Amino acid sequence: VQLVESGGGFAQAGDSLRLSCAASGQTYMIDAVGWFRQAPGKEREFVARITWTVGREEYTDAVKGRFTISRDTSKNTVDLQMNSLKIEDTGVYYCAVRTRAGWYDYVKIDSYDDWGQGTQVTVSS
């Protein structure tokens, strides 16, 4: 599955941004889609996940109540609506898909099979 992220950019604290992830290729294999982010000098970390069929959502505590993940299975897209942005939300945001069946830990990077190239989000005060 090929993934392309878009929608990143510059924002001020308190603003909103909407990221989009477009999937192509063997999209029928998608089991779930996750968003991760990586701040400068830090490890890549889990942000949110949505299951493809049921649409079950999960979030890291740092973004709960501010970010919303959604999917459009007819368009093979997954969006991340980011509201009330904080400076600490700055980083490169990646979407990733899981195509394998079975149980997995959705916060772990190696639970996902294909990754996009990332999109930069910069939040300033």
PDB file of N, CA and C in Angstrom:
ATOM      1  N   VAL A   1       0.849  -1.173   0.000  1.00  0.00           N
ATOM      2  CA  VAL A   1       0.000   0.000   0.000  1.00  0.00           C
ATOM      3  C   VAL A   1       0.895   1.237   0.000  1.00  0.00           C
ATOM      4  N   GLN A   2       0.574   2.154  -0.911  1.00  0.00           N
ATOM      5  CA  GLN A   2       1.328   3.409  -0.960  1.00  0.00           C
ATOM      6  C   GLN A   2       0.522   4.494  -0.241  1.00  0.00           C
ATOM      7  N   LEU A   3       1.244   5.330   0.498  1.00  0.00           N
ATOM      8  CA  LEU A   3       0.595   6.355   1.314  1.00  0.00           C
ATOM      9  C   LEU A   3       1.206   7.708   1.017  1.00  0.00           C
ATOM     10  N   VAL A   4       0.360   8.712   0.916  1.00  0.00           N
ATOM     11  CA  VAL A   4       0.824  10.082   0.713  1.00  0.00           C
ATOM     12  C   VAL A   4       0.101  10.988   1.702  1.00  0.00           C
ATOM     13  N   GLU A   5       0.864  11.666   2.547  1.00  0.00           N
ATOM     14  CA  GLU A   5       0.294  12.604   3.500  1.00  0.00           C
ATOM     15  C   GLU A   5       0.274  14.007   2.903  1.00  0.00           C
ATOM     16  N   SER A   6      -0.669  14.794   3.369  1.00  0.00           N
ATOM     17  CA  SER A   6      -0.752  16.198   2.967  1.00  0.00           C
ATOM     18  C   SER A   6      -1.407  16.983   4.092  1.00  0.00           C
ATOM     19  N   GLY A   7      -1.307  18.305   3.990  1.00  0.00           N
ATOM     20  CA  GLY A   7      -2.010  19.161   4.938  1.00  0.00           C
ATOM     21  C   GLY A   7      -1.162  19.754   6.033  1.00  0.00           C
ATOM     22  N   GLY A   8       0.107  19.399   6.073  1.00  0.00           N
ATOM     23  CA  GLY A   8       0.960  19.979   7.093  1.00  0.00           C
ATOM     24  C   GLY A   8       1.251  21.437   6.798  1.00  0.00           C
ATOM     25  N   GLY A   9       1.935  22.086   7.743  1.00  0.00           N
ATOM     26  CA  GLY A   9       2.280  23.479   7.543  1.00  0.00           C
ATOM     27  C   GLY A   9       2.569  24.167   8.856  1.00  0.00           C
ATOM     28  N   PHE A  10       2.458  25.486   8.821  1.00  0.00           N
ATOM     29  CA  PHE A  10       2.714  26.290  10.003  1.00  0.00           C
ATOM     30  C   PHE A  10       1.383  26.704  10.648  1.00  0.00           C
ATOM     31  N   ALA A  11       1.395  26.735  11.960  1.00  0.00           N
ATOM     32  CA  ALA A  11       0.212  27.167  12.704  1.00  0.00           C
ATOM     33  C   ALA A  11       0.660  27.823  13.999  1.00  0.00           C
ATOM     34  N   GLN A  12      -0.209  28.623  14.540  1.00  0.00           N
ATOM     35  CA  GLN A  12       0.045  29.199  15.859  1.00  0.00           C
ATOM     36  C   GLN A  12      -0.648  28.357  16.914  1.00  0.00           C
ATOM     37  N   ALA A  13      -0.149  28.430  18.111  1.00  0.00           N
ATOM     38  CA  ALA A  13      -0.771  27.707  19.215  1.00  0.00           C
ATOM     39  C   ALA A  13      -2.240  28.092  19.309  1.00  0.00           C
ATOM     40  N   GLY A  14      -3.076  27.079  19.410  1.00  0.00           N
ATOM     41  CA  GLY A  14      -4.506  27.305  19.476  1.00  0.00           C
ATOM     42  C   GLY A  14      -5.215  27.142  18.149  1.00  0.00           C
ATOM     43  N   ASP A  15      -4.460  27.158  17.064  1.00  0.00           N
ATOM     44  CA  ASP A  15      -5.043  27.006  15.730  1.00  0.00           C
ATOM     45  C   ASP A  15      -5.368  25.546  15.441  1.00  0.00           C
ATOM     46  N   SER A  16      -5.893  25.321  14.251  1.00  0.00           N
ATOM     47  CA  SER A  16      -6.230  23.977  13.794  1.00  0.00           C
ATOM     48  C   SER A  16      -5.544  23.672  12.473  1.00  0.00           C
ATOM     49  N   LEU A  17      -5.251  22.409  12.256  1.00  0.00           N
ATOM     50  CA  LEU A  17      -4.767  21.909  10.977  1.00  0.00           C
ATOM     51  C   LEU A  17      -5.435  20.571  10.721  1.00  0.00           C
ATOM     52  N   ARG A  18      -5.573  20.239   9.460  1.00  0.00           N
ATOM     53  CA  ARG A  18      -6.154  18.951   9.092  1.00  0.00           C
ATOM     54  C   ARG A  18      -5.178  18.237   8.175  1.00  0.00           C
ATOM     55  N   LEU A  19      -4.730  17.090   8.590  1.00  0.00           N
ATOM     56  CA  LEU A  19      -3.847  16.261   7.787  1.00  0.00           C
ATOM     57  C   LEU A  19      -4.669  15.206   7.066  1.00  0.00           C
ATOM     58  N   SER A  20      -4.208  14.834   5.893  1.00  0.00           N
ATOM     59  CA  SER A  20      -4.881  13.787   5.135  1.00  0.00           C
ATOM     60  C   SER A  20      -3.864  12.757   4.674  1.00  0.00           C
ATOM     61  N   CYS A  21      -4.273  11.522   4.641  1.00  0.00           N
ATOM     62  CA  CYS A  21      -3.435  10.423   4.178  1.00  0.00           C
ATOM     63  C   CYS A  21      -4.211   9.677   3.094  1.00  0.00           C
ATOM     64  N   ALA A  22      -3.665   9.654   1.897  1.00  0.00           N
ATOM     65  CA  ALA A  22      -4.306   8.978   0.778  1.00  0.00           C
ATOM     66  C   ALA A  22      -3.602   7.664   0.502  1.00  0.00           C
ATOM     67  N   ALA A  23      -4.361   6.588   0.466  1.00  0.00           N
ATOM     68  CA  ALA A  23      -3.805   5.259   0.237  1.00  0.00           C
ATOM     69  C   ALA A  23      -4.118   4.796  -1.175  1.00  0.00           C
ATOM     70  N   SER A  24      -3.178   4.074  -1.762  1.00  0.00           N
ATOM     71  CA  SER A  24      -3.381   3.484  -3.083  1.00  0.00           C
ATOM     72  C   SER A  24      -2.702   2.123  -3.115  1.00  0.00           C
ATOM     73  N   GLY A  25      -2.977   1.401  -4.169  1.00  0.00           N
ATOM     74  CA  GLY A  25      -2.409   0.059  -4.277  1.00  0.00           C
ATOM     75  C   GLY A  25      -3.367  -0.974  -3.721  1.00  0.00           C
ATOM     76  N   GLN A  26      -2.839  -1.881  -2.926  1.00  0.00           N
ATOM     77  CA  GLN A  26      -3.637  -2.986  -2.387  1.00  0.00           C
ATOM     78  C   GLN A  26      -4.416  -2.540  -1.154  1.00  0.00           C
ATOM     79  N   THR A  27      -5.288  -1.578  -1.344  1.00  0.00           N
ATOM     80  CA  THR A  27      -6.012  -1.003  -0.218  1.00  0.00           C
ATOM     81  C   THR A  27      -6.994  -1.984   0.403  1.00  0.00           C
ATOM     82  N   TYR A  28      -7.360  -3.021  -0.324  1.00  0.00           N
ATOM     83  CA  TYR A  28      -8.269  -4.017   0.247  1.00  0.00           C
ATOM     84  C   TYR A  28      -7.613  -4.768   1.405  1.00  0.00           C
ATOM     85  N   MET A  29      -6.296  -4.645   1.526  1.00  0.00           N
ATOM     86  CA  MET A  29      -5.578  -5.326   2.598  1.00  0.00           C
ATOM     87  C   MET A  29      -5.506  -4.507   3.890  1.00  0.00           C
ATOM     88  N   ILE A  30      -5.971  -3.259   3.842  1.00  0.00           N
ATOM     89  CA  ILE A  30      -5.834  -2.393   5.015  1.00  0.00           C
ATOM     90  C   ILE A  30      -6.690  -2.912   6.165  1.00  0.00           C
ATOM     91  N   ASP A  31      -6.061  -3.088   7.297  1.00  0.00           N
ATOM     92  CA  ASP A  31      -6.758  -3.475   8.520  1.00  0.00           C
ATOM     93  C   ASP A  31      -6.940  -2.286   9.446  1.00  0.00           C
ATOM     94  N   ALA A  32      -5.957  -1.403   9.458  1.00  0.00           N
ATOM     95  CA  ALA A  32      -6.022  -0.217  10.318  1.00  0.00           C
ATOM     96  C   ALA A  32      -5.044   0.817   9.789  1.00  0.00           C
ATOM     97  N   VAL A  33      -5.264   2.062  10.165  1.00  0.00           N
ATOM     98  CA  VAL A  33      -4.375   3.157   9.786  1.00  0.00           C
ATOM     99  C   VAL A  33      -4.008   3.927  11.048  1.00  0.00           C
ATOM    100  N   GLY A  34      -2.744   4.216  11.180  1.00  0.00           N
ATOM    101  CA  GLY A  34      -2.273   4.974  12.324  1.00  0.00           C
ATOM    102  C   GLY A  34      -1.575   6.246  11.894  1.00  0.00           C
ATOM    103  N   TRP A  35      -1.603   7.221  12.796  1.00  0.00           N
ATOM    104  CA  TRP A  35      -0.805   8.433  12.631  1.00  0.00           C
ATOM    105  C   TRP A  35       0.261   8.433  13.732  1.00  0.00           C
ATOM    106  N   PHE A  36       1.473   8.730  13.337  1.00  0.00           N
ATOM    107  CA  PHE A  36       2.593   8.863  14.258  1.00  0.00           C
ATOM    108  C   PHE A  36       3.229  10.224  14.034  1.00  0.00           C
ATOM    109  N   ARG A  37       4.047  10.656  14.973  1.00  0.00           N
ATOM    110  CA  ARG A  37       4.772  11.906  14.780  1.00  0.00           C
ATOM    111  C   ARG A  37       6.167  11.773  15.373  1.00  0.00           C
ATOM    112  N   GLN A  38       7.052  12.585  14.835  1.00  0.00           N
ATOM    113  CA  GLN A  38       8.419  12.580  15.309  1.00  0.00           C
ATOM    114  C   GLN A  38       8.909  14.010  15.444  1.00  0.00           C
ATOM    115  N   ALA A  39       9.190  14.394  16.672  1.00  0.00           N
ATOM    116  CA  ALA A  39       9.724  15.719  16.938  1.00  0.00           C
ATOM    117  C   ALA A  39      11.236  15.671  16.785  1.00  0.00           C
ATOM    118  N   PRO A  40      11.852  16.817  16.542  1.00  0.00           N
ATOM    119  CA  PRO A  40      13.320  16.855  16.387  1.00  0.00           C
ATOM    120  C   PRO A  40      14.023  16.257  17.601  1.00  0.00           C
ATOM    121  N   GLY A  41      14.932  15.335  17.329  1.00  0.00           N
ATOM    122  CA  GLY A  41      15.704  14.737  18.400  1.00  0.00           C
ATOM    123  C   GLY A  41      14.973  13.716  19.227  1.00  0.00           C
ATOM    124  N   LYS A  42      13.749  13.383  18.845  1.00  0.00           N
ATOM    125  CA  LYS A  42      12.963  12.421  19.616  1.00  0.00           C
ATOM    126  C   LYS A  42      12.573  11.236  18.758  1.00  0.00           C
ATOM    127  N   GLU A  43      12.127  10.186  19.416  1.00  0.00           N
ATOM    128  CA  GLU A  43      11.681   9.008  18.688  1.00  0.00           C
ATOM    129  C   GLU A  43      10.288   9.226  18.114  1.00  0.00           C
ATOM    130  N   ARG A  44       9.989   8.474  17.096  1.00  0.00           N
ATOM    131  CA  ARG A  44       8.653   8.514  16.512  1.00  0.00           C
ATOM    132  C   ARG A  44       7.663   7.944  17.525  1.00  0.00           C
ATOM    133  N   GLU A  45       6.534   8.602  17.667  1.00  0.00           N
ATOM    134  CA  GLU A  45       5.557   8.185  18.665  1.00  0.00           C
ATOM    135  C   GLU A  45       4.155   8.094  18.077  1.00  0.00           C
ATOM    136  N   PHE A  46       3.373   7.223  18.690  1.00  0.00           N
ATOM    137  CA  PHE A  46       1.995   7.009  18.271  1.00  0.00           C
ATOM    138  C   PHE A  46       1.134   8.236  18.592  1.00  0.00           C
ATOM    139  N   VAL A  47       0.229   8.560  17.679  1.00  0.00           N
ATOM    140  CA  VAL A  47      -0.713   9.656  17.889  1.00  0.00           C
ATOM    141  C   VAL A  47      -2.150   9.143  17.913  1.00  0.00           C
ATOM    142  N   ALA A  48      -2.532   8.427  16.863  1.00  0.00           N
ATOM    143  CA  ALA A  48      -3.916   7.963  16.769  1.00  0.00           C
ATOM    144  C   ALA A  48      -4.000   6.786  15.805  1.00  0.00           C
ATOM    145  N   ARG A  49      -5.063   6.003  15.970  1.00  0.00           N
ATOM    146  CA  ARG A  49      -5.289   4.877  15.072  1.00  0.00           C
ATOM    147  C   ARG A  49      -6.770   4.718  14.845  1.00  0.00           C
ATOM    148  N   ILE A  50      -7.118   4.250  13.645  1.00  0.00           N
ATOM    149  CA  ILE A  50      -8.504   3.925  13.344  1.00  0.00           C
ATOM    150  C   ILE A  50      -8.539   2.590  12.619  1.00  0.00           C
ATOM    151  N   THR A  51      -9.444   1.732  13.022  1.00  0.00           N
ATOM    152  CA  THR A  51      -9.585   0.471  12.304  1.00  0.00           C
ATOM    153  C   THR A  51     -10.394   0.697  11.041  1.00  0.00           C
ATOM    154  N   TRP A  52     -10.053  -0.049  10.002  1.00  0.00           N
ATOM    155  CA  TRP A  52     -10.597   0.260   8.681  1.00  0.00           C
ATOM    156  C   TRP A  52     -12.069  -0.127   8.551  1.00  0.00           C
ATOM    157  N   THR A  53     -12.417  -1.284   9.025  1.00  0.00           N
ATOM    158  CA  THR A  53     -13.775  -1.776   8.807  1.00  0.00           C
ATOM    159  C   THR A  53     -14.773  -1.151   9.788  1.00  0.00           C
ATOM    160  N   VAL A  54     -14.431  -1.182  11.063  1.00  0.00           N
ATOM    161  CA  VAL A  54     -15.362  -0.731  12.086  1.00  0.00           C
ATOM    162  C   VAL A  54     -15.222   0.754  12.394  1.00  0.00           C
ATOM    163  N   GLY A  55     -14.019   1.286  12.195  1.00  0.00           N
ATOM    164  CA  GLY A  55     -13.804   2.701  12.493  1.00  0.00           C
ATOM    165  C   GLY A  55     -13.536   2.981  13.958  1.00  0.00           C
ATOM    166  N   ARG A  56     -13.017   2.003  14.668  1.00  0.00           N
ATOM    167  CA  ARG A  56     -12.695   2.213  16.083  1.00  0.00           C
ATOM    168  C   ARG A  56     -11.470   3.118  16.198  1.00  0.00           C
ATOM    169  N   GLU A  57     -11.574   4.101  17.088  1.00  0.00           N
ATOM    170  CA  GLU A  57     -10.523   5.103  17.230  1.00  0.00           C
ATOM    171  C   GLU A  57      -9.763   4.924  18.546  1.00  0.00           C
ATOM    172  N   GLU A  58      -8.476   5.208  18.483  1.00  0.00           N
ATOM    173  CA  GLU A  58      -7.630   5.217  19.679  1.00  0.00           C
ATOM    174  C   GLU A  58      -6.709   6.419  19.583  1.00  0.00           C
ATOM    175  N   TYR A  59      -6.386   7.021  20.751  1.00  0.00           N
ATOM    176  CA  TYR A  59      -5.538   8.202  20.776  1.00  0.00           C
ATOM    177  C   TYR A  59      -4.529   8.104  21.910  1.00  0.00           C
ATOM    178  N   THR A  60      -3.404   8.732  21.695  1.00  0.00           N
ATOM    179  CA  THR A  60      -2.497   8.907  22.810  1.00  0.00           C
ATOM    180  C   THR A  60      -3.071   9.977  23.729  1.00  0.00           C
ATOM    181  N   ASP A  61      -2.758   9.892  25.013  1.00  0.00           N
ATOM    182  CA  ASP A  61      -3.348  10.810  25.980  1.00  0.00           C
ATOM    183  C   ASP A  61      -3.082  12.269  25.646  1.00  0.00           C
ATOM    184  N   ALA A  62      -1.922  12.548  25.054  1.00  0.00           N
ATOM    185  CA  ALA A  62      -1.535  13.940  24.798  1.00  0.00           C
ATOM    186  C   ALA A  62      -2.443  14.650  23.812  1.00  0.00           C
ATOM    187  N   VAL A  63      -3.175  13.898  23.014  1.00  0.00           N
ATOM    188  CA  VAL A  63      -4.014  14.532  21.984  1.00  0.00           C
ATOM    189  C   VAL A  63      -5.502  14.277  22.189  1.00  0.00           C
ATOM    190  N   LYS A  64      -5.857  13.489  23.178  1.00  0.00           N
ATOM    191  CA  LYS A  64      -7.272  13.200  23.414  1.00  0.00           C
ATOM    192  C   LYS A  64      -8.057  14.477  23.642  1.00  0.00           C
ATOM    193  N   GLY A  65      -9.190  14.585  22.983  1.00  0.00           N
ATOM    194  CA  GLY A  65     -10.020  15.773  23.108  1.00  0.00           C
ATOM    195  C   GLY A  65      -9.635  16.897  22.173  1.00  0.00           C
ATOM    196  N   ARG A  66      -8.479  16.788  21.534  1.00  0.00           N
ATOM    197  CA  ARG A  66      -8.028  17.827  20.596  1.00  0.00           C
ATOM    198  C   ARG A  66      -7.937  17.310  19.162  1.00  0.00           C
ATOM    199  N   PHE A  67      -7.532  16.075  18.998  1.00  0.00           N
ATOM    200  CA  PHE A  67      -7.365  15.473  17.667  1.00  0.00           C
ATOM    201  C   PHE A  67      -8.477  14.482  17.403  1.00  0.00           C
ATOM    202  N   THR A  68      -8.866  14.390  16.135  1.00  0.00           N
ATOM    203  CA  THR A  68      -9.853  13.399  15.727  1.00  0.00           C
ATOM    204  C   THR A  68      -9.387  12.725  14.454  1.00  0.00           C
ATOM    205  N   ILE A  69      -9.369  11.412  14.492  1.00  0.00           N
ATOM    206  CA  ILE A  69      -9.011  10.640  13.307  1.00  0.00           C
ATOM    207  C   ILE A  69     -10.289  10.131  12.656  1.00  0.00           C
ATOM    208  N   SER A  70     -10.322  10.147  11.328  1.00  0.00           N
ATOM    209  CA  SER A  70     -11.500   9.664  10.612  1.00  0.00           C
ATOM    210  C   SER A  70     -11.050   9.015   9.315  1.00  0.00           C
ATOM    211  N   ARG A  71     -11.925   8.196   8.769  1.00  0.00           N
ATOM    212  CA  ARG A  71     -11.564   7.553   7.498  1.00  0.00           C
ATOM    213  C   ARG A  71     -12.731   7.593   6.547  1.00  0.00           C
ATOM    214  N   ASP A  72     -12.391   7.559   5.271  1.00  0.00           N
ATOM    215  CA  ASP A  72     -13.389   7.467   4.204  1.00  0.00           C
ATOM    216  C   ASP A  72     -12.981   6.265   3.367  1.00  0.00           C
ATOM    217  N   THR A  73     -13.635   5.150   3.595  1.00  0.00           N
ATOM    218  CA  THR A  73     -13.225   3.922   2.922  1.00  0.00           C
ATOM    219  C   THR A  73     -13.542   3.950   1.428  1.00  0.00           C
ATOM    220  N   SER A  74     -14.439   4.811   1.009  1.00  0.00           N
ATOM    221  CA  SER A  74     -14.749   4.908  -0.427  1.00  0.00           C
ATOM    222  C   SER A  74     -13.659   5.663  -1.175  1.00  0.00           C
ATOM    223  N   LYS A  75     -12.980   6.549  -0.461  1.00  0.00           N
ATOM    224  CA  LYS A  75     -11.902   7.324  -1.080  1.00  0.00           C
ATOM    225  C   LYS A  75     -10.525   6.837  -0.662  1.00  0.00           C
ATOM    226  N   ASN A  76     -10.488   5.883   0.258  1.00  0.00           N
ATOM    227  CA  ASN A  76      -9.211   5.374   0.790  1.00  0.00           C
ATOM    228  C   ASN A  76      -8.367   6.482   1.401  1.00  0.00           C
ATOM    229  N   THR A  77      -9.017   7.292   2.196  1.00  0.00           N
ATOM    230  CA  THR A  77      -8.305   8.364   2.870  1.00  0.00           C
ATOM    231  C   THR A  77      -8.551   8.308   4.375  1.00  0.00           C
ATOM    232  N   VAL A  78      -7.581   8.801   5.112  1.00  0.00           N
ATOM    233  CA  VAL A  78      -7.688   8.937   6.559  1.00  0.00           C
ATOM    234  C   VAL A  78      -7.220  10.330   6.928  1.00  0.00           C
ATOM    235  N   ASP A  79      -8.043  11.046   7.653  1.00  0.00           N
ATOM    236  CA  ASP A  79      -7.728  12.403   8.055  1.00  0.00           C
ATOM    237  C   ASP A  79      -7.414  12.470   9.543  1.00  0.00           C
ATOM    238  N   LEU A  80      -6.633  13.474   9.891  1.00  0.00           N
ATOM    239  CA  LEU A  80      -6.364  13.770  11.294  1.00  0.00           C
ATOM    240  C   LEU A  80      -6.665  15.242  11.509  1.00  0.00           C
ATOM    241  N   GLN A  81      -7.784  15.511  12.148  1.00  0.00           N
ATOM    242  CA  GLN A  81      -8.159  16.880  12.471  1.00  0.00           C
ATOM    243  C   GLN A  81      -7.488  17.249  13.779  1.00  0.00           C
ATOM    244  N   MET A  82      -6.688  18.297  13.747  1.00  0.00           N
ATOM    245  CA  MET A  82      -5.921  18.711  14.919  1.00  0.00           C
ATOM    246  C   MET A  82      -6.383  20.088  15.357  1.00  0.00           C
ATOM    247  N   ASN A  83      -7.012  20.152  16.493  1.00  0.00           N
ATOM    248  CA  ASN A  83      -7.504  21.416  17.047  1.00  0.00           C
ATOM    249  C   ASN A  83      -6.702  21.797  18.289  1.00  0.00           C
ATOM    250  N   SER A  84      -6.811  23.061  18.657  1.00  0.00           N
ATOM    251  CA  SER A  84      -6.123  23.560  19.864  1.00  0.00           C
ATOM    252  C   SER A  84      -4.660  23.133  19.870  1.00  0.00           C
ATOM    253  N   LEU A  85      -4.001  23.390  18.776  1.00  0.00           N
ATOM    254  CA  LEU A  85      -2.616  22.953  18.631  1.00  0.00           C
ATOM    255  C   LEU A  85      -1.722  23.579  19.684  1.00  0.00           C
ATOM    256  N   LYS A  86      -0.739  22.788  20.096  1.00  0.00           N
ATOM    257  CA  LYS A  86       0.244  23.223  21.068  1.00  0.00           C
ATOM    258  C   LYS A  86       1.634  23.168  20.439  1.00  0.00           C
ATOM    259  N   ILE A  87       2.547  23.920  21.014  1.00  0.00           N
ATOM    260  CA  ILE A  87       3.914  23.933  20.488  1.00  0.00           C
ATOM    261  C   ILE A  87       4.491  22.513  20.471  1.00  0.00           C
ATOM    262  N   GLU A  88       4.145  21.737  21.462  1.00  0.00           N
ATOM    263  CA  GLU A  88       4.671  20.372  21.554  1.00  0.00           C
ATOM    264  C   GLU A  88       4.067  19.416  20.522  1.00  0.00           C
ATOM    265  N   ASP A  89       3.122  19.893  19.725  1.00  0.00           N
ATOM    266  CA  ASP A  89       2.601  19.079  18.621  1.00  0.00           C
ATOM    267  C   ASP A  89       3.491  19.173  17.388  1.00  0.00           C
ATOM    268  N   THR A  90       4.485  20.018  17.432  1.00  0.00           N
ATOM    269  CA  THR A  90       5.405  20.177  16.309  1.00  0.00           C
ATOM    270  C   THR A  90       6.126  18.876  16.012  1.00  0.00           C
ATOM    271  N   GLY A  91       6.233  18.571  14.727  1.00  0.00           N
ATOM    272  CA  GLY A  91       6.956  17.377  14.317  1.00  0.00           C
ATOM    273  C   GLY A  91       6.581  16.965  12.914  1.00  0.00           C
ATOM    274  N   VAL A  92       7.195  15.905  12.464  1.00  0.00           N
ATOM    275  CA  VAL A  92       6.820  15.305  11.186  1.00  0.00           C
ATOM    276  C   VAL A  92       5.760  14.248  11.479  1.00  0.00           C
ATOM    277  N   TYR A  93       4.658  14.337  10.788  1.00  0.00           N
ATOM    278  CA  TYR A  93       3.545  13.416  10.990  1.00  0.00           C
ATOM    279  C   TYR A  93       3.521  12.397   9.869  1.00  0.00           C
ATOM    280  N   TYR A  94       3.435  11.141  10.269  1.00  0.00           N
ATOM    281  CA  TYR A  94       3.435  10.025   9.331  1.00  0.00           C
ATOM    282  C   TYR A  94       2.141   9.227   9.464  1.00  0.00           C
ATOM    283  N   CYS A  95       1.601   8.815   8.350  1.00  0.00           N
ATOM    284  CA  CYS A  95       0.531   7.827   8.425  1.00  0.00           C
ATOM    285  C   CYS A  95       1.110   6.463   8.060  1.00  0.00           C
ATOM    286  N   ALA A  96       0.490   5.443   8.602  1.00  0.00           N
ATOM    287  CA  ALA A  96       0.977   4.080   8.414  1.00  0.00           C
ATOM    288  C   ALA A  96      -0.214   3.138   8.373  1.00  0.00           C
ATOM    289  N   VAL A  97      -0.089   2.088   7.605  1.00  0.00           N
ATOM    290  CA  VAL A  97      -1.170   1.101   7.531  1.00  0.00           C
ATOM    291  C   VAL A  97      -0.680  -0.250   8.023  1.00  0.00           C
ATOM    292  N   ARG A  98      -1.621  -0.947   8.591  1.00  0.00           N
ATOM    293  CA  ARG A  98      -1.379  -2.334   8.954  1.00  0.00           C
ATOM    294  C   ARG A  98      -2.187  -3.187   7.991  1.00  0.00           C
ATOM    295  N   THR A  99      -1.523  -4.184   7.408  1.00  0.00           N
ATOM    296  CA  THR A  99      -2.208  -5.077   6.466  1.00  0.00           C
ATOM    297  C   THR A  99      -2.262  -6.510   6.961  1.00  0.00           C
ATOM    298  N   ARG A 100      -1.573  -6.780   8.063  1.00  0.00           N
ATOM    299  CA  ARG A 100      -1.597  -8.127   8.614  1.00  0.00           C
ATOM    300  C   ARG A 100      -2.801  -8.323   9.515  1.00  0.00           C
ATOM    301  N   ALA A 101      -3.302  -9.551   9.563  1.00  0.00           N
ATOM    302  CA  ALA A 101      -4.404  -9.893  10.452  1.00  0.00           C
ATOM    303  C   ALA A 101      -3.848 -10.253  11.822  1.00  0.00           C
ATOM    304  N   GLY A 102      -4.736 -10.317  12.812  1.00  0.00           N
ATOM    305  CA  GLY A 102      -4.321 -10.760  14.126  1.00  0.00           C
ATOM    306  C   GLY A 102      -4.138  -9.619  15.110  1.00  0.00           C
ATOM    307  N   TRP A 103      -3.931 -10.004  16.364  1.00  0.00           N
ATOM    308  CA  TRP A 103      -3.767  -9.019  17.432  1.00  0.00           C
ATOM    309  C   TRP A 103      -2.448  -8.289  17.303  1.00  0.00           C
ATOM    310  N   TYR A 104      -2.424  -7.035  17.695  1.00  0.00           N
ATOM    311  CA  TYR A 104      -1.192  -6.273  17.674  1.00  0.00           C
ATOM    312  C   TYR A 104      -1.306  -5.119  18.647  1.00  0.00           C
ATOM    313  N   ASP A 105      -0.167  -4.575  19.014  1.00  0.00           N
ATOM    314  CA  ASP A 105      -0.129  -3.401  19.874  1.00  0.00           C
ATOM    315  C   ASP A 105      -0.110  -2.179  18.967  1.00  0.00           C
ATOM    316  N   TYR A 106      -1.204  -1.448  18.921  1.00  0.00           N
ATOM    317  CA  TYR A 106      -1.358  -0.392  17.918  1.00  0.00           C
ATOM    318  C   TYR A 106      -0.465   0.815  18.158  1.00  0.00           C
ATOM    319  N   VAL A 107       0.195   0.918  19.303  1.00  0.00           N
ATOM    320  CA  VAL A 107       1.072   2.060  19.528  1.00  0.00           C
ATOM    321  C   VAL A 107       2.495   1.785  19.037  1.00  0.00           C
ATOM    322  N   LYS A 108       2.772   0.568  18.677  1.00  0.00           N
ATOM    323  CA  LYS A 108       4.140   0.201  18.300  1.00  0.00           C
ATOM    324  C   LYS A 108       4.372   0.396  16.802  1.00  0.00           C
ATOM    325  N   ILE A 109       5.521   0.936  16.477  1.00  0.00           N
ATOM    326  CA  ILE A 109       5.861   1.208  15.094  1.00  0.00           C
ATOM    327  C   ILE A 109       5.879  -0.060  14.262  1.00  0.00           C
ATOM    328  N   ASP A 110       6.428  -1.123  14.794  1.00  0.00           N
ATOM    329  CA  ASP A 110       6.556  -2.346  14.002  1.00  0.00           C
ATOM    330  C   ASP A 110       5.257  -3.115  13.840  1.00  0.00           C
ATOM    331  N   SER A 111       4.164  -2.569  14.354  1.00  0.00           N
ATOM    332  CA  SER A 111       2.845  -3.161  14.102  1.00  0.00           C
ATOM    333  C   SER A 111       2.293  -2.752  12.738  1.00  0.00           C
ATOM    334  N   TYR A 112       2.943  -1.806  12.092  1.00  0.00           N
ATOM    335  CA  TYR A 112       2.459  -1.259  10.828  1.00  0.00           C
ATOM    336  C   TYR A 112       3.390  -1.663   9.686  1.00  0.00           C
ATOM    337  N   ASP A 113       2.827  -1.804   8.523  1.00  0.00           N
ATOM    338  CA  ASP A 113       3.546  -2.402   7.411  1.00  0.00           C
ATOM    339  C   ASP A 113       4.032  -1.424   6.352  1.00  0.00           C
ATOM    340  N   ASP A 114       3.285  -0.378   6.115  1.00  0.00           N
ATOM    341  CA  ASP A 114       3.656   0.595   5.093  1.00  0.00           C
ATOM    342  C   ASP A 114       3.511   1.989   5.674  1.00  0.00           C
ATOM    343  N   TRP A 115       4.409   2.869   5.225  1.00  0.00           N
ATOM    344  CA  TRP A 115       4.474   4.225   5.775  1.00  0.00           C
ATOM    345  C   TRP A 115       4.509   5.259   4.664  1.00  0.00           C
ATOM    346  N   GLY A 116       3.952   6.417   4.964  1.00  0.00           N
ATOM    347  CA  GLY A 116       4.078   7.550   4.070  1.00  0.00           C
ATOM    348  C   GLY A 116       5.399   8.270   4.315  1.00  0.00           C
ATOM    349  N   GLN A 117       5.615   9.315   3.533  1.00  0.00           N
ATOM    350  CA  GLN A 117       6.874  10.044   3.605  1.00  0.00           C
ATOM    351  C   GLN A 117       6.884  11.099   4.721  1.00  0.00           C
ATOM    352  N   GLY A 118       5.707  11.390   5.239  1.00  0.00           N
ATOM    353  CA  GLY A 118       5.610  12.357   6.328  1.00  0.00           C
ATOM    354  C   GLY A 118       5.286  13.757   5.850  1.00  0.00           C
ATOM    355  N   THR A 119       4.675  14.518   6.744  1.00  0.00           N
ATOM    356  CA  THR A 119       4.372  15.913   6.470  1.00  0.00           C
ATOM    357  C   THR A 119       4.704  16.718   7.720  1.00  0.00           C
ATOM    358  N   GLN A 120       5.329  17.868   7.528  1.00  0.00           N
ATOM    359  CA  GLN A 120       5.816  18.667   8.648  1.00  0.00           C
ATOM    360  C   GLN A 120       4.693  19.530   9.212  1.00  0.00           C
ATOM    361  N   VAL A 121       4.592  19.519  10.539  1.00  0.00           N
ATOM    362  CA  VAL A 121       3.687  20.414  11.258  1.00  0.00           C
ATOM    363  C   VAL A 121       4.534  21.226  12.232  1.00  0.00           C
ATOM    364  N   THR A 122       4.430  22.533  12.111  1.00  0.00           N
ATOM    365  CA  THR A 122       5.194  23.416  12.990  1.00  0.00           C
ATOM    366  C   THR A 122       4.229  24.361  13.694  1.00  0.00           C
ATOM    367  N   VAL A 123       4.226  24.306  15.011  1.00  0.00           N
ATOM    368  CA  VAL A 123       3.340  25.149  15.813  1.00  0.00           C
ATOM    369  C   VAL A 123       4.194  26.135  16.598  1.00  0.00           C
ATOM    370  N   SER A 124       3.860  27.407  16.464  1.00  0.00           N
ATOM    371  CA  SER A 124       4.605  28.441  17.157  1.00  0.00           C
ATOM    372  C   SER A 124       3.695  29.178  18.130  1.00  0.00           C
ATOM    373  N   SER A 125       4.313  29.899  19.030  1.00  0.00           N
ATOM    374  CA  SER A 125       3.536  30.625  20.043  1.00  0.00           C
ATOM    375  C   SER A 125       3.063  31.964  19.519  1.00  0.00           C
TER     376      SER A 125
END
